[in-house]
Amino acid sequence: MTGATVNRQNVFIGGAPRSGTTLLGSILGSHSQMLATPESQFKFELTPLFNEAPPLKEKVSEFINRHPRFAIWNFNPEWHSIDVTQPSTLLHGIVRQYGGKRNKPDYTHWIDHTPSNLRHSHYLDAQYPGCVFIHIVRDGRAVMASQFKLDWGSNDPIFASLKWMESIALGLACEAAFPGRTLSVRYEHLVQHPEQECAKICEFLGLPFEPSMILGAGYEVPRYTQSQHALLGNYPDTSRIDDWKNTLATKDIQMFEALTYDLLPLLGYQKVFPGIHAKPKELTQAWILFKGAFKYLTLNSFKRRARVKKNT
């Protein structure tokens, strides 16, 4: 069997950043018939190139080769064999070559775990007819706590709550729009009951469950994000589920719960502070957002540049 003759299924995972998209991508990529590629935000950014007639291959190749998000793929496509008439044929050509690099030329399922996928589910459905979606959901407080530790995430509970609600809303909309082709997966269930959840996902994808998937060793983590995904390749760590209770400040938890209204309990997550609580005054919110943005643009920006420079 050759890469050109395989009937492939496109699987798009999405959710709030730090909800477990990479964990799930790595787990599924461990399956003998699934190929997990690095995040591909560039697939949305290149679409303007196709607004008119099919662009020149040189123009497309230059755009992708220079894109920082494609740099993490760590390989150079052979552009002469890639069809650039449509965004989908372009991506399929790149993924097929990446599969050869990863010694998986005959994969049947492409696993794309870009967190922002569900923002563009309508576009993806049009470009990749018959594709399927996996919406991974995680407790928003755990998402916030995880992002607070990084140099690119939210720095305050206001921005964290807004971005989490946005991701949840887009995921639920995707589930409603494509009910037969969207599977909702809970991060907590995946970590606590990996065999059961993986079997459910495999059934959804029409593939047999393979026990070796649980270790999640099916994704080559880019060097500059290895510190953020240090636990990949190990059995899921259940201690990460409630770690936010020990790391978040009480005021941040209370503010997040107030700003997300009843979304947490509607999703099955119990509030620390039940009931209705007043949101911070607008001036207070503005000050908190300002401090978070200032940190992102100064200290975190310096850390990001240093991390990229160190690992490139």
Protein backbone atom coordinates (compact mmCIF):
# COMPACT_ATOMS: atom_id res chain seq x y z
CA MET A 1 0.00 0.00 0.00
CA THR A 2 1.30 3.48 -0.81
CA GLY A 3 0.59 6.85 0.75
CA ALA A 4 -1.18 7.99 -2.41
CA THR A 5 -3.77 5.19 -2.36
CA VAL A 6 -4.82 5.21 1.29
CA ASN A 7 -8.39 6.37 1.99
CA ARG A 8 -7.73 8.81 4.83
CA GLN A 9 -9.96 10.30 7.51
CA ASN A 10 -9.32 13.83 8.79
CA VAL A 11 -9.68 14.19 12.56
CA PHE A 12 -9.64 17.70 14.02
CA ILE A 13 -9.20 18.01 17.79
CA GLY A 14 -10.00 21.36 19.41
CA GLY A 15 -10.55 23.01 22.76
CA ALA A 16 -9.20 25.69 25.05
CA PRO A 17 -5.38 25.83 25.10
CA ARG A 18 -4.12 23.57 27.94
CA SER A 19 -7.27 21.45 27.83
CA GLY A 20 -5.36 18.37 26.72
CA THR A 21 -5.37 18.72 22.94
CA THR A 22 -1.70 17.73 22.71
CA LEU A 23 -2.15 14.87 25.20
CA LEU A 24 -5.03 13.49 23.17
CA GLY A 25 -3.17 14.00 19.90
CA SER A 26 -0.18 12.12 21.27
CA ILE A 27 -2.36 9.27 22.53
CA LEU A 28 -4.16 8.89 19.22
CA GLY A 29 -0.92 9.27 17.30
CA SER A 30 0.36 6.18 19.12
CA HIS A 31 -2.20 4.09 17.23
CA SER A 32 -0.71 2.13 14.34
CA GLN A 33 -3.19 3.67 11.87
CA MET A 34 -3.18 7.28 13.11
CA LEU A 35 -0.67 10.02 12.37
CA ALA A 36 -0.50 13.01 14.73
CA THR A 37 1.16 16.09 13.26
CA PRO A 38 2.36 19.22 15.05
CA GLU A 39 -0.12 22.08 15.45
CA SER A 40 -1.01 23.70 12.13
CA GLN A 41 -2.40 27.17 12.80
CA PHE A 42 -0.85 28.19 9.48
CA LYS A 43 -3.57 26.29 7.59
CA PHE A 44 -6.04 29.03 8.48
CA GLU A 45 -3.65 31.90 7.82
CA LEU A 46 -2.79 30.77 4.29
CA THR A 47 -6.42 30.81 3.07
CA PRO A 48 -6.23 34.41 1.69
CA LEU A 49 -3.73 33.09 -0.86
CA PHE A 50 -6.58 31.10 -2.40
CA ASN A 51 -9.13 33.92 -2.64
CA GLU A 52 -8.46 34.27 -6.34
CA ALA A 53 -7.04 31.78 -8.84
CA PRO A 54 -4.87 28.99 -7.47
CA PRO A 55 -1.67 30.71 -6.30
CA LEU A 56 1.78 30.01 -7.64
CA LYS A 57 3.49 27.11 -5.91
CA GLU A 58 6.48 29.36 -5.22
CA LYS A 59 4.28 31.83 -3.35
CA VAL A 60 2.64 29.12 -1.25
CA SER A 61 5.88 27.35 -0.46
CA GLU A 62 7.55 30.60 0.57
CA PHE A 63 4.64 31.46 2.88
CA ILE A 64 4.70 28.08 4.62
CA ASN A 65 8.47 27.67 4.79
CA ARG A 66 8.74 31.06 6.51
CA HIS A 67 5.83 30.56 8.87
CA PRO A 68 6.99 30.12 12.50
CA ARG A 69 4.22 27.62 13.16
CA PHE A 70 5.46 25.39 10.36
CA ALA A 71 9.02 25.57 11.66
CA ILE A 72 8.04 23.23 14.51
CA TRP A 73 7.32 20.48 11.97
CA ASN A 74 11.09 20.29 11.49
CA PHE A 75 11.17 19.06 7.91
CA ASN A 76 11.37 20.47 4.39
CA PRO A 77 8.55 19.44 2.03
CA GLU A 78 9.31 18.31 -1.49
CA TRP A 79 7.16 20.94 -3.16
CA HIS A 80 7.34 19.53 -6.67
CA SER A 81 5.00 16.69 -5.65
CA ILE A 82 2.46 18.78 -3.69
CA ASP A 83 -0.81 19.93 -5.25
CA VAL A 84 -1.49 23.56 -4.27
CA THR A 85 -4.76 24.05 -6.15
CA GLN A 86 -6.74 23.96 -2.89
CA PRO A 87 -5.88 24.40 0.80
CA SER A 88 -6.91 20.79 1.48
CA THR A 89 -4.72 19.27 -1.24
CA LEU A 90 -1.85 21.42 -0.02
CA LEU A 91 -2.19 20.21 3.57
CA HIS A 92 -2.72 16.60 2.55
CA GLY A 93 0.49 16.74 0.52
CA ILE A 94 2.48 18.11 3.44
CA VAL A 95 0.97 15.65 5.90
CA ARG A 96 1.60 12.71 3.58
CA GLN A 97 5.28 13.60 3.38
CA TYR A 98 5.42 14.11 7.15
CA GLY A 99 3.93 10.63 7.56
CA GLY A 100 6.76 9.24 5.49
CA LYS A 101 9.26 11.02 7.69
CA ARG A 102 7.63 9.50 10.76
CA ASN A 103 7.66 6.01 9.21
CA LYS A 104 3.87 5.99 8.90
CA PRO A 105 3.29 6.28 5.16
CA ASP A 106 0.12 4.16 5.28
CA TYR A 107 -1.72 5.95 8.08
CA THR A 108 -5.51 6.00 7.63
CA HIS A 109 -6.34 8.83 10.05
CA TRP A 110 -4.68 12.27 10.18
CA ILE A 111 -4.85 13.68 13.73
CA ASP A 112 -4.63 17.48 13.85
CA HIS A 113 -4.66 18.70 17.47
CA THR A 114 -4.46 22.45 16.87
CA PRO A 115 -6.46 23.98 19.79
CA SER A 116 -8.12 26.59 17.55
CA ASN A 117 -9.60 24.01 15.16
CA LEU A 118 -13.15 24.34 16.43
CA ARG A 119 -13.11 28.09 15.86
CA HIS A 120 -13.20 27.20 12.18
CA SER A 121 -15.23 23.98 12.12
CA HIS A 122 -17.48 25.31 9.35
CA TYR A 123 -14.45 26.08 7.19
CA LEU A 124 -12.85 22.71 7.94
CA ASP A 125 -16.07 20.91 7.05
CA ALA A 126 -16.11 22.68 3.68
CA GLN A 127 -12.45 22.01 2.94
CA TYR A 128 -12.35 18.44 4.25
CA PRO A 129 -15.78 16.88 3.53
CA GLY A 130 -16.66 14.11 5.94
CA CYS A 131 -14.06 15.15 8.50
CA VAL A 132 -14.73 14.48 12.17
CA PHE A 133 -14.19 16.65 15.23
CA ILE A 134 -13.20 15.90 18.82
CA HIS A 135 -14.03 18.57 21.38
CA ILE A 136 -11.92 18.12 24.51
CA VAL A 137 -13.28 19.85 27.61
CA ARG A 138 -11.38 20.56 30.82
CA ASP A 139 -12.31 22.34 34.04
CA GLY A 140 -11.71 26.02 33.30
CA ARG A 141 -9.97 26.58 36.62
CA ALA A 142 -7.42 23.88 35.75
CA VAL A 143 -6.96 25.48 32.33
CA MET A 144 -6.35 28.84 33.99
CA ALA A 145 -3.87 27.40 36.49
CA SER A 146 -1.94 25.68 33.70
CA GLN A 147 -1.78 28.83 31.60
CA PHE A 148 -0.60 30.95 34.53
CA LYS A 149 2.61 28.88 34.57
CA LEU A 150 3.45 29.56 30.93
CA ASP A 151 4.90 32.51 29.03
CA TRP A 152 2.07 32.68 26.48
CA GLY A 153 -1.12 32.03 28.44
CA SER A 154 -3.56 34.11 30.43
CA ASN A 155 -2.13 36.07 33.34
CA ASP A 156 -5.36 36.99 35.08
CA PRO A 157 -8.75 35.36 35.84
CA ILE A 158 -10.70 37.84 33.72
CA PHE A 159 -8.95 37.08 30.44
CA ALA A 160 -8.77 33.38 31.36
CA SER A 161 -12.52 33.18 31.94
CA LEU A 162 -13.37 34.97 28.68
CA LYS A 163 -11.11 32.76 26.56
CA TRP A 164 -12.30 29.55 28.24
CA MET A 165 -15.97 30.44 27.73
CA GLU A 166 -15.24 31.30 24.10
CA SER A 167 -13.61 27.92 23.49
CA ILE A 168 -16.44 26.05 25.22
CA ALA A 169 -19.08 27.95 23.22
CA LEU A 170 -17.37 27.20 19.91
CA GLY A 171 -17.00 23.55 20.85
CA LEU A 172 -20.64 23.20 21.83
CA ALA A 173 -21.65 24.93 18.59
CA CYS A 174 -19.58 22.41 16.65
CA GLU A 175 -21.27 19.56 18.50
CA ALA A 176 -24.68 21.01 17.60
CA ALA A 177 -23.78 21.64 13.95
CA PHE A 178 -22.19 18.24 13.34
CA PRO A 179 -23.81 15.91 15.89
CA GLY A 180 -22.89 12.68 14.11
CA ARG A 181 -19.32 13.76 13.45
CA THR A 182 -18.33 15.41 16.72
CA LEU A 183 -17.27 13.59 19.86
CA SER A 184 -16.99 15.33 23.23
CA VAL A 185 -14.17 14.08 25.46
CA ARG A 186 -13.51 15.14 29.03
CA TYR A 187 -9.89 15.64 29.99
CA GLU A 188 -10.62 14.34 33.47
CA HIS A 189 -12.15 11.11 32.13
CA LEU A 190 -9.23 10.64 29.73
CA VAL A 191 -6.74 10.88 32.60
CA GLN A 192 -8.73 8.81 35.09
CA HIS A 193 -9.98 6.11 32.72
CA PRO A 194 -7.65 6.17 29.70
CA GLU A 195 -8.46 2.68 28.45
CA GLN A 196 -12.20 3.30 28.53
CA GLU A 197 -11.95 6.73 26.88
CA CYS A 198 -9.52 5.58 24.21
CA ALA A 199 -11.77 2.64 23.38
CA LYS A 200 -14.68 5.07 23.01
CA ILE A 201 -12.68 7.33 20.72
CA CYS A 202 -11.46 4.40 18.62
CA GLU A 203 -15.03 3.18 18.23
CA PHE A 204 -16.05 6.67 17.09
CA LEU A 205 -13.25 6.62 14.52
CA GLY A 206 -14.01 3.07 13.39
CA LEU A 207 -10.68 1.65 14.53
CA PRO A 208 -9.72 -1.11 16.97
CA PHE A 209 -8.43 -0.05 20.36
CA GLU A 210 -4.69 -0.62 20.91
CA PRO A 211 -3.58 -0.75 24.60
CA SER A 212 -0.19 0.81 23.80
CA MET A 213 -1.99 4.08 22.99
CA ILE A 214 -2.30 4.89 26.68
CA LEU A 215 1.33 5.97 27.03
CA GLY A 216 0.80 8.69 24.44
CA ALA A 217 4.12 8.36 22.66
CA GLY A 218 2.76 9.09 19.21
CA TYR A 219 3.80 12.72 18.84
CA GLU A 220 7.23 14.24 18.31
CA VAL A 221 7.13 17.26 20.62
CA PRO A 222 8.90 20.34 19.20
CA ARG A 223 12.00 21.30 21.17
CA TYR A 224 10.74 24.73 22.15
CA THR A 225 7.58 23.28 23.78
CA GLN A 226 9.12 20.19 25.39
CA SER A 227 9.12 21.82 28.84
CA GLN A 228 5.35 22.39 28.50
CA HIS A 229 4.67 18.76 27.53
CA ALA A 230 7.17 16.98 29.75
CA LEU A 231 4.64 14.34 30.85
CA LEU A 232 3.86 13.06 27.35
CA GLY A 233 4.93 9.47 26.85
CA ASN A 234 3.96 8.48 30.41
CA TYR A 235 0.80 6.98 31.86
CA PRO A 236 -1.74 9.83 32.42
CA ASP A 237 -1.17 11.60 35.75
CA THR A 238 -4.40 11.87 37.75
CA SER A 239 -2.86 14.37 40.19
CA ARG A 240 -3.10 17.04 37.48
CA ILE A 241 -6.91 17.01 37.66
CA ASP A 242 -7.20 18.90 40.94
CA ASP A 243 -3.77 20.52 41.06
CA TRP A 244 -5.41 23.92 40.49
CA LYS A 245 -6.84 23.78 44.02
CA ASN A 246 -3.30 23.96 45.41
CA THR A 247 -1.82 26.50 43.01
CA LEU A 248 -4.52 29.12 42.38
CA ALA A 249 -5.17 31.99 44.75
CA THR A 250 -8.60 31.92 46.37
CA LYS A 251 -9.47 35.33 44.91
CA ASP A 252 -8.68 34.09 41.40
CA ILE A 253 -10.90 31.03 41.82
CA GLN A 254 -13.76 33.15 43.15
CA MET A 255 -13.41 35.69 40.36
CA PHE A 256 -13.26 33.01 37.65
CA GLU A 257 -16.40 31.34 39.01
CA ALA A 258 -18.26 34.64 39.19
CA LEU A 259 -17.31 35.60 35.65
CA THR A 260 -18.27 32.24 34.13
CA TYR A 261 -21.72 32.26 35.78
CA ASP A 262 -23.13 28.71 35.84
CA LEU A 263 -21.05 27.26 33.01
CA LEU A 264 -18.89 25.19 35.36
CA PRO A 265 -21.78 23.33 37.07
CA LEU A 266 -23.62 23.01 33.74
CA LEU A 267 -20.59 21.07 32.52
CA GLY A 268 -20.48 19.00 35.68
CA TYR A 269 -17.75 20.89 37.57
CA GLN A 270 -18.63 21.79 41.16
CA LYS A 271 -18.01 25.36 42.24
CA VAL A 272 -15.86 26.19 45.23
CA PHE A 273 -18.13 29.19 45.83
CA PRO A 274 -21.68 28.09 44.92
CA GLY A 275 -24.42 30.57 44.13
CA ILE A 276 -24.33 34.00 42.55
CA HIS A 277 -21.50 36.37 43.39
CA ALA A 278 -20.93 39.93 42.26
CA LYS A 279 -18.39 40.49 39.53
CA PRO A 280 -15.55 42.95 40.17
CA LYS A 281 -16.33 46.56 39.33
CA GLU A 282 -15.42 47.64 35.81
CA LEU A 283 -12.51 49.79 36.98
CA THR A 284 -11.12 46.84 38.95
CA GLN A 285 -11.49 44.57 35.95
CA ALA A 286 -9.72 47.08 33.74
CA TRP A 287 -6.80 47.30 36.17
CA ILE A 288 -6.50 43.51 36.40
CA LEU A 289 -6.56 43.19 32.61
CA PHE A 290 -3.95 45.93 32.28
CA LYS A 291 -1.58 44.18 34.67
CA GLY A 292 -2.06 40.88 32.89
CA ALA A 293 -1.45 42.44 29.47
CA PHE A 294 1.61 44.29 30.75
CA LYS A 295 3.13 41.05 32.04
CA TYR A 296 2.37 39.31 28.75
CA LEU A 297 4.04 42.05 26.70
CA THR A 298 7.10 42.46 28.91
CA LEU A 299 8.31 39.61 31.13
CA ASN A 300 6.49 36.84 29.27
CA SER A 301 7.57 38.23 25.92
CA PHE A 302 11.20 38.11 27.04
CA LYS A 303 10.77 34.52 28.24
CA ARG A 304 9.16 33.49 24.95
CA ARG A 305 11.98 34.96 22.87
CA ALA A 306 14.60 33.33 25.08
CA ARG A 307 12.89 29.94 24.86
CA VAL A 308 12.57 30.09 21.08
CA LYS A 309 16.19 31.24 20.68
CA LYS A 310 17.43 28.45 22.95
CA ASN A 311 15.61 25.71 21.08
CA THR A 312 16.02 26.78 17.44
